Structure formats: C-alpha cells, structure tokens
C-alpha atoms as a PDB file:
ATOM      1  CA  MET A   1       0.000   0.000   0.000  1.00  0.00           C
ATOM      2  CA  SER A   2       2.769   2.468   0.939  1.00  0.00           C
ATOM      3  CA  LEU A   3       4.471   1.893  -2.418  1.00  0.00           C
ATOM      4  CA  GLY A   4       1.218   2.676  -4.215  1.00  0.00           C
ATOM      5  CA  ILE A   5       0.789   5.899  -2.216  1.00  0.00           C
ATOM      6  CA  ALA A   6       4.379   6.962  -2.972  1.00  0.00           C
ATOM      7  CA  MET A   7       3.862   6.374  -6.693  1.00  0.00           C
ATOM      8  CA  ALA A   8       0.542   8.243  -6.581  1.00  0.00           C
ATOM      9  CA  LEU A   9       2.240  11.265  -4.979  1.00  0.00           C
ATOM     10  CA  ALA A  10       4.963  11.222  -7.632  1.00  0.00           C
ATOM     11  CA  CYS A  11       2.299  10.875 -10.310  1.00  0.00           C
ATOM     12  CA  ALA A  12       0.443  13.907  -8.911  1.00  0.00           C
ATOM     13  CA  ALA A  13       3.508  16.166  -9.158  1.00  0.00           C
ATOM     14  CA  VAL A  14       4.520  14.961 -12.622  1.00  0.00           C
ATOM     15  CA  THR A  15       0.931  15.234 -13.895  1.00  0.00           C
ATOM     16  CA  GLN A  16       0.612  18.884 -12.859  1.00  0.00           C
ATOM     17  CA  LEU A  17       3.949  19.782 -14.432  1.00  0.00           C
ATOM     18  CA  GLY A  18       2.773  18.179 -17.672  1.00  0.00           C
ATOM     19  CA  PHE A  19      -0.525  20.082 -17.558  1.00  0.00           C
ATOM     20  CA  LEU A  20       1.260  23.419 -17.143  1.00  0.00           C
ATOM     21  CA  CYS A  21       3.595  22.698 -20.059  1.00  0.00           C
ATOM     22  CA  LYS A  22       0.657  21.671 -22.256  1.00  0.00           C
ATOM     23  CA  HIS A  23      -1.277  24.818 -21.321  1.00  0.00           C
ATOM     24  CA  ARG A  24       1.629  27.013 -22.408  1.00  0.00           C
ATOM     25  CA  GLY A  25       1.903  25.137 -25.695  1.00  0.00           C
ATOM     26  CA  ALA A  26      -1.842  25.016 -26.423  1.00  0.00           C
ATOM     27  CA  THR A  27      -2.263  28.773 -26.054  1.00  0.00           C
ATOM     28  CA  SER A  28       0.115  29.321 -28.981  1.00  0.00           C
ATOM     29  CA  ALA A  29      -1.576  26.738 -31.248  1.00  0.00           C
ATOM     30  CA  PRO A  30      -4.642  27.135 -33.516  1.00  0.00           C
ATOM     31  CA  LEU A  31      -7.973  26.433 -31.825  1.00  0.00           C
ATOM     32  CA  VAL A  32      -8.728  22.737 -31.407  1.00  0.00           C
ATOM     33  CA  ASP A  33     -11.542  21.519 -33.658  1.00  0.00           C
ATOM     34  CA  ALA A  34     -13.101  18.209 -32.592  1.00  0.00           C
ATOM     35  CA  ARG A  35     -14.301  17.705 -36.168  1.00  0.00           C
ATOM     36  CA  ARG A  36     -10.662  17.650 -37.315  1.00  0.00           C
ATOM     37  CA  PRO A  37      -8.895  15.743 -34.528  1.00  0.00           C
ATOM     38  CA  LEU A  38      -5.800  14.772 -36.539  1.00  0.00           C
ATOM     39  CA  ARG A  39      -5.208  18.298 -37.808  1.00  0.00           C
ATOM     40  CA  SER A  40      -5.720  19.656 -34.298  1.00  0.00           C
ATOM     41  CA  ALA A  41      -3.302  17.109 -32.831  1.00  0.00           C
ATOM     42  CA  ARG A  42      -0.631  17.983 -35.409  1.00  0.00           C
ATOM     43  CA  SER A  43      -0.987  21.685 -34.616  1.00  0.00           C
ATOM     44  CA  LEU A  44      -0.673  21.039 -30.901  1.00  0.00           C
ATOM     45  CA  PHE A  45       2.379  18.803 -31.211  1.00  0.00           C
ATOM     46  CA  ALA A  46       4.052  21.432 -33.389  1.00  0.00           C
ATOM     47  CA  SER A  47       4.464  23.389 -30.142  1.00  0.00           C
ATOM     48  CA  LYS A  48       7.586  22.296 -28.269  1.00  0.00           C
ATOM     49  CA  TRP A  49       5.949  23.109 -24.939  1.00  0.00           C
ATOM     50  CA  PHE A  50       2.917  20.956 -25.693  1.00  0.00           C
ATOM     51  CA  ALA A  51       5.075  18.077 -26.933  1.00  0.00           C
ATOM     52  CA  LEU A  52       7.153  18.321 -23.756  1.00  0.00           C
ATOM     53  CA  GLY A  53       3.974  18.294 -21.674  1.00  0.00           C
ATOM     54  CA  MET A  54       2.769  15.152 -23.427  1.00  0.00           C
ATOM     55  CA  ALA A  55       6.119  13.425 -22.835  1.00  0.00           C
ATOM     56  CA  ILE A  56       5.858  14.293 -19.154  1.00  0.00           C
ATOM     57  CA  ALA A  57       2.260  13.025 -19.167  1.00  0.00           C
ATOM     58  CA  VAL A  58       3.483   9.624 -20.425  1.00  0.00           C
ATOM     59  CA  VAL A  59       5.755   9.357 -17.395  1.00  0.00           C
ATOM     60  CA  ALA A  60       2.811  10.305 -15.166  1.00  0.00           C
ATOM     61  CA  TRP A  61       0.650   7.654 -16.857  1.00  0.00           C
ATOM     62  CA  VAL A  62       3.231   4.943 -16.176  1.00  0.00           C
ATOM     63  CA  LEU A  63       3.376   5.975 -12.516  1.00  0.00           C
ATOM     64  CA  HIS A  64      -0.429   5.981 -12.364  1.00  0.00           C
ATOM     65  CA  VAL A  65      -0.788   2.489 -13.833  1.00  0.00           C
ATOM     66  CA  ALA A  66       1.889   1.204 -11.452  1.00  0.00           C
ATOM     67  CA  ALA A  67       0.086   2.750  -8.474  1.00  0.00           C
ATOM     68  CA  LEU A  68      -3.253   1.264  -9.571  1.00  0.00           C
ATOM     69  CA  ALA A  69      -1.647  -2.175  -9.783  1.00  0.00           C
ATOM     70  CA  VAL A  70      -0.631  -2.178  -6.111  1.00  0.00           C
ATOM     71  CA  ALA A  71      -3.237  -0.028  -4.337  1.00  0.00           C
ATOM     72  CA  PRO A  72      -7.032   0.453  -4.338  1.00  0.00           C
ATOM     73  CA  LEU A  73      -8.361   2.822  -6.997  1.00  0.00           C
ATOM     74  CA  SER A  74     -10.045   5.208  -4.549  1.00  0.00           C
ATOM     75  CA  THR A  75      -6.908   5.454  -2.401  1.00  0.00           C
ATOM     76  CA  VAL A  76      -4.683   6.244  -5.402  1.00  0.00           C
ATOM     77  CA  GLN A  77      -6.978   8.979  -6.658  1.00  0.00           C
ATOM     78  CA  ALA A  78      -7.495  10.498  -3.226  1.00  0.00           C
ATOM     79  CA  VAL A  79      -3.732  10.700  -2.657  1.00  0.00           C
ATOM     80  CA  MET A  80      -3.370  12.363  -6.041  1.00  0.00           C
ATOM     81  CA  SER A  81      -5.663  15.154  -4.815  1.00  0.00           C
ATOM     82  CA  THR A  82      -2.528  16.847  -3.480  1.00  0.00           C
ATOM     83  CA  GLY A  83      -1.723  17.629  -7.099  1.00  0.00           C
ATOM     84  CA  VAL A  84      -4.234  20.501  -7.098  1.00  0.00           C
ATOM     85  CA  VAL A  85      -2.111  22.418  -4.591  1.00  0.00           C
ATOM     86  CA  MET A  86       1.106  21.389  -6.370  1.00  0.00           C
ATOM     87  CA  MET A  87      -0.294  22.811  -9.600  1.00  0.00           C
ATOM     88  CA  ALA A  88      -1.067  26.205  -8.070  1.00  0.00           C
ATOM     89  CA  VAL A  89       2.409  26.444  -6.532  1.00  0.00           C
ATOM     90  CA  LEU A  90       4.199  25.282  -9.699  1.00  0.00           C
ATOM     91  CA  GLY A  91       2.067  27.575 -11.853  1.00  0.00           C
ATOM     92  CA  ALA A  92       2.871  30.604  -9.717  1.00  0.00           C
ATOM     93  CA  LYS A  93       6.558  29.870  -9.107  1.00  0.00           C
ATOM     94  CA  LEU A  94       7.716  28.320 -12.388  1.00  0.00           C
ATOM     95  CA  PHE A  95       5.256  29.506 -15.040  1.00  0.00           C
ATOM     96  CA  GLY A  96       4.432  33.021 -13.844  1.00  0.00           C
ATOM     97  CA  HIS A  97       0.683  32.524 -13.401  1.00  0.00           C
ATOM     98  CA  VAL A  98      -1.027  34.925 -11.047  1.00  0.00           C
ATOM     99  CA  VAL A  99      -3.212  32.948  -8.636  1.00  0.00           C
ATOM    100  CA  GLY A 100      -5.974  35.094  -7.160  1.00  0.00           C
ATOM    101  CA  ALA A 101      -7.407  34.836  -3.654  1.00  0.00           C
ATOM    102  CA  ARG A 102     -10.552  33.061  -4.909  1.00  0.00           C
ATOM    103  CA  GLN A 103      -8.440  30.532  -6.765  1.00  0.00           C
ATOM    104  CA  TRP A 104      -6.231  29.841  -3.739  1.00  0.00           C
ATOM    105  CA  ALA A 105      -9.405  29.385  -1.689  1.00  0.00           C
ATOM    106  CA  GLY A 106     -10.873  27.034  -4.300  1.00  0.00           C
ATOM    107  CA  VAL A 107      -7.666  25.031  -4.648  1.00  0.00           C
ATOM    108  CA  GLY A 108      -7.291  24.760  -0.872  1.00  0.00           C
ATOM    109  CA  LEU A 109     -10.911  23.718  -0.395  1.00  0.00           C
ATOM    110  CA  THR A 110     -10.569  21.099  -3.130  1.00  0.00           C
ATOM    111  CA  ALA A 111      -7.417  19.630  -1.605  1.00  0.00           C
ATOM    112  CA  ALA A 112      -8.940  19.627   1.887  1.00  0.00           C
ATOM    113  CA  GLY A 113     -12.122  17.935   0.688  1.00  0.00           C
ATOM    114  CA  LEU A 114     -10.286  15.232  -1.222  1.00  0.00           C
ATOM    115  CA  ALA A 115      -7.858  14.741   1.665  1.00  0.00           C
ATOM    116  CA  LEU A 116     -10.820  14.147   3.986  1.00  0.00           C
ATOM    117  CA  LEU A 117     -11.883  11.359   1.652  1.00  0.00           C
ATOM    118  CA  VAL A 118      -8.452   9.766   2.163  1.00  0.00           C
ATOM    119  CA  VAL A 119      -8.599   9.744   5.948  1.00  0.00           C
ATOM    120  CA  THR A 120     -12.220   8.560   6.104  1.00  0.00           C
ATOM    121  CA  LEU A 121     -11.890   5.693   3.628  1.00  0.00           C
ATOM    122  CA  PRO A 122     -11.843   2.427   5.596  1.00  0.00           C
ATOM    123  CA  ALA A 123      -8.647   0.417   5.472  1.00  0.00           C
ATOM    124  CA  ALA A 124      -8.711  -1.550   2.242  1.00  0.00           C
ATOM    125  CA  GLU A 125      -8.114  -5.267   2.210  1.00  0.00           C
ATOM    126  CA  GLY A 126      -5.985  -5.903  -0.834  1.00  0.00           C
ATOM    127  CA  HIS A 127      -6.389  -4.144  -4.171  1.00  0.00           C
ATOM    128  CA  SER A 128      -8.782  -6.404  -6.055  1.00  0.00           C
ATOM    129  CA  ALA A 129      -9.756  -5.458  -9.606  1.00  0.00           C
ATOM    130  CA  ALA A 130     -12.793  -7.772  -9.510  1.00  0.00           C
ATOM    131  CA  PHE A 131     -16.079  -6.251 -10.660  1.00  0.00           C
ATOM    132  CA  ALA A 132     -19.533  -7.078 -12.032  1.00  0.00           C
ATOM    133  CA  THR A 133     -19.577  -6.459 -15.789  1.00  0.00           C
ATOM    134  CA  PRO A 134     -23.100  -4.887 -15.912  1.00  0.00           C
ATOM    135  CA  VAL A 135     -22.156  -2.413 -13.158  1.00  0.00           C
ATOM    136  CA  MET A 136     -18.865  -1.594 -14.860  1.00  0.00           C
ATOM    137  CA  LEU A 137     -20.582  -1.083 -18.221  1.00  0.00           C
ATOM    138  CA  ALA A 138     -23.286   1.149 -16.737  1.00  0.00           C
ATOM    139  CA  PHE A 139     -20.688   3.265 -14.922  1.00  0.00           C
ATOM    140  CA  GLU A 140     -18.428   3.636 -17.952  1.00  0.00           C
ATOM    141  CA  LEU A 141     -21.229   4.546 -20.368  1.00  0.00           C
ATOM    142  CA  GLY A 142     -22.872   6.908 -17.874  1.00  0.00           C
ATOM    143  CA  THR A 143     -19.689   8.833 -17.105  1.00  0.00           C
ATOM    144  CA  LEU A 144     -18.697   8.842 -20.787  1.00  0.00           C
ATOM    145  CA  ALA A 145     -22.054  10.480 -21.565  1.00  0.00           C
ATOM    146  CA  LEU A 146     -21.498  13.008 -18.767  1.00  0.00           C
ATOM    147  CA  GLY A 147     -18.104  13.956 -20.182  1.00  0.00           C
ATOM    148  CA  VAL A 148     -19.586  14.431 -23.665  1.00  0.00           C
ATOM    149  CA  PHE A 149     -22.331  16.618 -22.159  1.00  0.00           C
ATOM    150  CA  PHE A 150     -19.710  18.873 -20.545  1.00  0.00           C
ATOM    151  CA  ILE A 151     -17.905  19.138 -23.902  1.00  0.00           C
ATOM    152  CA  ALA A 152     -21.170  20.228 -25.533  1.00  0.00           C
ATOM    153  CA  ALA A 153     -22.091  22.650 -22.714  1.00  0.00           C
ATOM    154  CA  PRO A 154     -20.315  25.684 -24.265  1.00  0.00           C
ATOM    155  CA  LYS A 155     -22.403  25.240 -27.404  1.00  0.00           C
ATOM    156  CA  LEU A 156     -25.566  24.826 -25.313  1.00  0.00           C
ATOM    157  CA  GLY A 157     -25.358  28.335 -23.909  1.00  0.00           C
ATOM    158  CA  ALA A 158     -22.981  28.053 -20.930  1.00  0.00           C
ATOM    159  CA  PRO A 159     -21.415  31.439 -19.993  1.00  0.00           C
ATOM    160  CA  ALA A 160     -18.281  32.153 -22.018  1.00  0.00           C
ATOM    161  CA  HIS A 161     -16.111  32.707 -18.931  1.00  0.00           C
ATOM    162  CA  HIS A 162     -16.891  29.145 -17.788  1.00  0.00           C
ATOM    163  CA  HIS A 163     -16.036  27.435 -21.094  1.00  0.00           C
ATOM    164  CA  GLY A 164     -12.466  26.613 -20.135  1.00  0.00           C
ATOM    165  CA  ALA A 165     -13.464  25.186 -16.757  1.00  0.00           C
ATOM    166  CA  LEU A 166     -16.277  23.117 -18.287  1.00  0.00           C
ATOM    167  CA  LEU A 167     -13.927  21.647 -20.865  1.00  0.00           C
ATOM    168  CA  GLY A 168     -11.356  20.991 -18.146  1.00  0.00           C
ATOM    169  CA  GLY A 169     -14.041  19.217 -16.120  1.00  0.00           C
ATOM    170  CA  ALA A 170     -15.080  17.212 -19.189  1.00  0.00           C
ATOM    171  CA  ALA A 171     -11.480  16.119 -19.697  1.00  0.00           C
ATOM    172  CA  GLY A 172     -11.274  15.098 -16.049  1.00  0.00           C
ATOM    173  CA  VAL A 173     -14.423  12.980 -16.183  1.00  0.00           C
ATOM    174  CA  LEU A 174     -13.181  11.284 -19.344  1.00  0.00           C
ATOM    175  CA  PHE A 175      -9.729  10.695 -17.874  1.00  0.00           C
ATOM    176  CA  GLY A 176     -11.596   9.105 -14.952  1.00  0.00           C
ATOM    177  CA  VAL A 177     -13.425   6.788 -17.365  1.00  0.00           C
ATOM    178  CA  SER A 178     -10.057   5.736 -18.763  1.00  0.00           C
ATOM    179  CA  ASP A 179      -8.604   5.238 -15.263  1.00  0.00           C
ATOM    180  CA  VAL A 180     -11.463   2.941 -14.238  1.00  0.00           C
ATOM    181  CA  SER A 181     -10.906   0.957 -17.438  1.00  0.00           C
ATOM    182  CA  LEU A 182      -7.199   0.685 -16.640  1.00  0.00           C
ATOM    183  CA  LYS A 183      -7.994  -0.667 -13.184  1.00  0.00           C
ATOM    184  CA  ALA A 184     -10.235  -3.293 -14.779  1.00  0.00           C
ATOM    185  CA  LEU A 185      -7.465  -4.196 -17.209  1.00  0.00           C
ATOM    186  CA  THR A 186      -5.024  -4.855 -14.354  1.00  0.00           C
ATOM    187  CA  GLY A 187      -7.347  -7.729 -13.430  1.00  0.00           C
ATOM    188  CA  ALA A 188      -7.637  -8.926 -17.030  1.00  0.00           C
ATOM    189  CA  THR A 189      -3.934  -9.742 -17.110  1.00  0.00           C
ATOM    190  CA  ALA A 190      -4.752 -12.958 -15.240  1.00  0.00           C
ATOM    191  CA  ASP A 191      -6.488 -14.186 -18.409  1.00  0.00           C
ATOM    192  CA  GLY A 192      -3.309 -13.847 -20.435  1.00  0.00           C
ATOM    193  CA  LEU A 193      -2.529 -11.684 -23.456  1.00  0.00           C
ATOM    194  CA  ALA A 194      -5.661 -12.773 -25.347  1.00  0.00           C
ATOM    195  CA  GLY A 195      -7.926 -11.751 -22.483  1.00  0.00           C
ATOM    196  CA  LEU A 196      -6.213  -8.391 -22.294  1.00  0.00           C
ATOM    197  CA  VAL A 197      -6.346  -7.662 -26.037  1.00  0.00           C
ATOM    198  CA  LEU A 198      -9.978  -8.744 -26.376  1.00  0.00           C
ATOM    199  CA  SER A 199     -11.134  -6.786 -23.333  1.00  0.00           C
ATOM    200  CA  PRO A 200     -14.043  -4.400 -24.128  1.00  0.00           C
ATOM    201  CA  TRP A 201     -12.532  -1.846 -21.757  1.00  0.00           C
ATOM    202  CA  ILE A 202      -9.636  -1.095 -24.118  1.00  0.00           C
ATOM    203  CA  PRO A 203     -11.762   0.653 -26.801  1.00  0.00           C
ATOM    204  CA  ILE A 204     -13.660   2.540 -24.088  1.00  0.00           C
ATOM    205  CA  ALA A 205     -10.382   3.688 -22.547  1.00  0.00           C
ATOM    206  CA  ILE A 206      -9.058   4.773 -25.947  1.00  0.00           C
ATOM    207  CA  LEU A 207     -12.238   6.685 -26.845  1.00  0.00           C
ATOM    208  CA  ALA A 208     -12.344   8.408 -23.475  1.00  0.00           C
ATOM    209  CA  SER A 209      -8.639   9.304 -23.695  1.00  0.00           C
ATOM    210  CA  VAL A 210      -8.969  10.820 -27.178  1.00  0.00           C
ATOM    211  CA  LEU A 211     -11.988  12.902 -26.168  1.00  0.00           C
ATOM    212  CA  ALA A 212     -10.223  13.952 -22.960  1.00  0.00           C
ATOM    213  CA  PHE A 213      -7.140  14.990 -24.943  1.00  0.00           C
ATOM    214  CA  LEU A 214      -9.172  17.226 -27.262  1.00  0.00           C
ATOM    215  CA  ALA A 215     -11.338  18.667 -24.483  1.00  0.00           C
ATOM    216  CA  SER A 216      -8.310  19.406 -22.317  1.00  0.00           C
ATOM    217  CA  ALA A 217      -6.414  21.175 -25.103  1.00  0.00           C
ATOM    218  CA  ARG A 218      -9.439  23.277 -26.096  1.00  0.00           C
ATOM    219  CA  GLY A 219     -10.013  24.104 -22.432  1.00  0.00           C
ATOM    220  CA  PHE A 220      -6.425  25.362 -22.182  1.00  0.00           C
ATOM    221  CA  GLN A 221      -7.138  27.664 -25.113  1.00  0.00           C
ATOM    222  CA  GLU A 222     -10.380  29.035 -23.687  1.00  0.00           C
ATOM    223  CA  GLY A 223      -9.489  29.456 -20.021  1.00  0.00           C
ATOM    224  CA  ASP A 224      -6.740  30.440 -17.627  1.00  0.00           C
ATOM    225  CA  ALA A 225      -4.298  27.777 -16.490  1.00  0.00           C
ATOM    226  CA  VAL A 226      -5.141  27.479 -12.802  1.00  0.00           C
ATOM    227  CA  PRO A 227      -8.961  27.106 -12.984  1.00  0.00           C
ATOM    228  CA  VAL A 228      -8.880  24.843 -16.043  1.00  0.00           C
ATOM    229  CA  ILE A 229      -6.159  22.556 -14.728  1.00  0.00           C
ATOM    230  CA  ALA A 230      -7.728  22.475 -11.245  1.00  0.00           C
ATOM    231  CA  CYS A 231     -11.027  21.264 -12.713  1.00  0.00           C
ATOM    232  CA  THR A 232      -9.388  18.440 -14.652  1.00  0.00           C
ATOM    233  CA  PRO A 233      -7.737  16.399 -11.865  1.00  0.00           C
ATOM    234  CA  THR A 234     -10.573  17.195  -9.456  1.00  0.00           C
ATOM    235  CA  ALA A 235     -13.160  15.759 -11.862  1.00  0.00           C
ATOM    236  CA  ALA A 236     -10.866  12.799 -12.584  1.00  0.00           C
ATOM    237  CA  ASN A 237     -10.329  12.115  -8.880  1.00  0.00           C
ATOM    238  CA  LEU A 238     -14.032  12.235  -8.053  1.00  0.00           C
ATOM    239  CA  THR A 239     -14.936  10.052 -11.034  1.00  0.00           C
ATOM    240  CA  THR A 240     -12.427   7.380 -10.113  1.00  0.00           C
ATOM    241  CA  ILE A 241     -13.122   7.490  -6.368  1.00  0.00           C
ATOM    242  CA  ILE A 242     -16.823   6.957  -7.107  1.00  0.00           C
ATOM    243  CA  GLY A 243     -15.874   4.265  -9.622  1.00  0.00           C
ATOM    244  CA  GLY A 244     -13.767   2.517  -7.011  1.00  0.00           C
ATOM    245  CA  ILE A 245     -16.717   2.450  -4.627  1.00  0.00           C
ATOM    246  CA  LEU A 246     -19.454   1.524  -7.123  1.00  0.00           C
ATOM    247  CA  VAL A 247     -17.538  -0.781  -9.470  1.00  0.00           C
ATOM    248  CA  PHE A 248     -14.740  -2.377  -7.458  1.00  0.00           C
ATOM    249  CA  GLY A 249     -16.408  -2.390  -4.050  1.00  0.00           C
ATOM    250  CA  ASP A 250     -14.002  -0.050  -2.262  1.00  0.00           C
ATOM    251  CA  ALA A 251     -15.498   0.387   1.173  1.00  0.00           C
ATOM    252  CA  LEU A 252     -17.426   3.436   2.365  1.00  0.00           C
ATOM    253  CA  ALA A 253     -17.163   4.713   5.900  1.00  0.00           C
ATOM    254  CA  ALA A 254     -19.957   4.212   8.416  1.00  0.00           C
ATOM    255  CA  GLY A 255     -21.596   6.345  11.083  1.00  0.00           C
ATOM    256  CA  LEU A 256     -19.942   9.681  11.769  1.00  0.00           C
ATOM    257  CA  MET A 257     -17.212   9.073   9.206  1.00  0.00           C
ATOM    258  CA  LEU A 258     -19.834   8.693   6.483  1.00  0.00           C
ATOM    259  CA  ILE A 259     -21.139  12.154   7.375  1.00  0.00           C
ATOM    260  CA  VAL A 260     -17.573  13.481   7.130  1.00  0.00           C
ATOM    261  CA  GLN A 261     -17.221  11.857   3.708  1.00  0.00           C
ATOM    262  CA  LEU A 262     -20.413  13.526   2.502  1.00  0.00           C
ATOM    263  CA  ALA A 263     -19.125  16.835   3.852  1.00  0.00           C
ATOM    264  CA  ALA A 264     -15.890  16.259   1.928  1.00  0.00           C
ATOM    265  CA  PHE A 265     -17.815  15.824  -1.325  1.00  0.00           C
ATOM    266  CA  ALA A 266     -19.739  19.025  -0.504  1.00  0.00           C
ATOM    267  CA  MET A 267     -16.444  20.874   0.009  1.00  0.00           C
ATOM    268  CA  VAL A 268     -15.217  19.794  -3.409  1.00  0.00           C
ATOM    269  CA  ALA A 269     -18.515  20.873  -4.969  1.00  0.00           C
ATOM    270  CA  ALA A 270     -18.241  24.291  -3.291  1.00  0.00           C
ATOM    271  CA  ALA A 271     -14.645  24.604  -4.476  1.00  0.00           C
ATOM    272  CA  SER A 272     -15.773  23.969  -8.061  1.00  0.00           C
ATOM    273  CA  LEU A 273     -17.840  27.149  -7.806  1.00  0.00           C
ATOM    274  CA  LEU A 274     -14.920  29.176  -6.452  1.00  0.00           C
ATOM    275  CA  THR A 275     -11.969  28.111  -8.574  1.00  0.00           C
ATOM    276  CA  PRO A 276     -13.318  28.631 -12.127  1.00  0.00           C
ATOM    277  CA  SER A 277     -14.648  32.065 -11.198  1.00  0.00           C
ATOM    278  CA  GLY A 278     -11.167  33.454 -10.726  1.00  0.00           C
ATOM    279  CA  HIS A 279      -9.364  34.801 -13.749  1.00  0.00           C
ATOM    280  CA  GLY A 280      -5.682  34.266 -13.038  1.00  0.00           C
ATOM    281  CA  ALA A 281      -3.521  35.063 -16.021  1.00  0.00           C
ATOM    282  CA  PRO A 282       0.101  34.438 -16.917  1.00  0.00           C
ATOM    283  CA  LEU A 283       2.448  37.350 -16.667  1.00  0.00           C
ATOM    284  CA  PRO A 284       3.231  38.872 -20.082  1.00  0.00           C
ATOM    285  CA  GLN A 285       5.862  36.840 -21.839  1.00  0.00           C
ATOM    286  CA  ALA A 286       6.648  35.475 -25.263  1.00  0.00           C
ATOM    287  CA  GLN A 287       4.957  32.207 -26.024  1.00  0.00           C
ATOM    288  CA  PRO A 288       7.409  29.949 -27.862  1.00  0.00           C
ATOM    289  CA  ALA A 289       5.999  27.744 -30.575  1.00  0.00           C
END
C-alpha cells in the first residue's frame, strides 16, 4: 500500500507539471476543432511546450498504472488530490501565473475535501480489480455520456467565462473513465494476453482518452491555467473514487465518518464554484511555438 501511495504522490507532481507545459503550448496553437482531430493534434504537437507536456504526461501515466496495480483505486486517486495544490504552486513559481485569492481558496478547499476522503476511507483489504460487468458497463457509459455533455455545454449556452473550466471538467471525467478501465485491465492480465487484447474496456479507454485529450487542449485555449487545470484532476479524482466504490467495491465509511465523507464531497462541490470564477492570467511573456 505504501508503495502505491508513494507512486501516486509522484504521479500527482509529474501530472501537474505536464498540464502546465501543455497549457503554455496550447495557447500558442490554432484552436482545437473536434471535427478535425488529426489536424488539431498535429498543430498542438508542433508546439515544443505541448510536446514536452505530453512526454511528461506519459511518465505520469506509467506511474499511475503502477500505483493502480498495487493499491485500491479510490486510495490512489485520493492521494493524487494533493496535485491541485502542487499545480497552483508550480504555476505561480515556475510559469508566472497569477493565482488570485478566490483561486487559492478554491484550490485549498478542493485539496482539503479530497484529503478528507483519504482519511475517512476504511482500510482496504488488498487491491482487487474484480467487478460485475453490468455495473462496470453502466458506470463507464454513464460517465462517458457526462463527459460528452460537458464538452457540448459551451455550445448549449454556458457562460463564455466558464467554457475553459467546463472543458477541463469534461477532460477530467473522461480521464476518470479511462482510469477505471485501466484498473479493470489490471485484473484482465490474469487471463493472459488474449484476455487483455480482447477486453471491451480497451476501446472505451481509448475513446475516453482521445476525447479527454481534445477537451483538455481546447479548455487550455479558452481558459486560464489554474482554474482549467484544477477542474481536470478534481473531476478525474471524483470520477475514479466513485468508480472505485461503485464498481470495485471499495469500502465506504460508516456512522460519523460517512457524514464526514459527505461533507468532503460538498467541500469539493463548493470549491468547483470558487476556482473557475477566478481569472488568473500568466504574466506577459513570449509564447514559444
């Protein structure tokens, strides 16, 4: 368990660094068009900052998969909640982003709420990837639909100043769909290579990852770094924590601790109203291609 937590912490830091690099690169690229995904991807990767961010993201992904293989899904994602604070600090210190008081309050409330989920989760017995297929399918399709709805929200009349945060949230939900699929695939390895290749969770993970990639990049282009990036891992953490509980049977607390858990979810919800409302902006500087 301690190894999984250590890898999750490392993953959190590396993930946020990758997000910040990708944000800098995306802001200098042409607007992402979901109808032309290949052209949009080529334009994004033409930016050295975005390409660097993606390379860093690969390292984070490896750390994430390794953590999921040795620790419960909900525990891994809850530990990774520290990344929200890491992102604000890295953004301010290394990338010159101005983080307003509302954003610091939102980031702090998010981290505190997710941290409460860590301390109130009952001690897990093992890290089983066993699940009921109908429950898994319902969860994956439901959250996939939710992510697509968030992507469409800007075109459905959502306020312009929330577009970036909505797209960041959409990316987070879809990354969560992919993470739950990855956890399921760690159990499929027992069936050998054929069981892994033929798993229905692979195409779902790929679809969710592609949509998350496009939504995240467009969100970077339409919103400021701190609120957009904060929404992405927060949505991903909540999606996967809920997935761990509903799909893989990660235990919920009981009695008073259950009330604390519900309060923690409420704190994260309140933080989602605070963080996107701020309008932190990077200090003036040349944006390299």
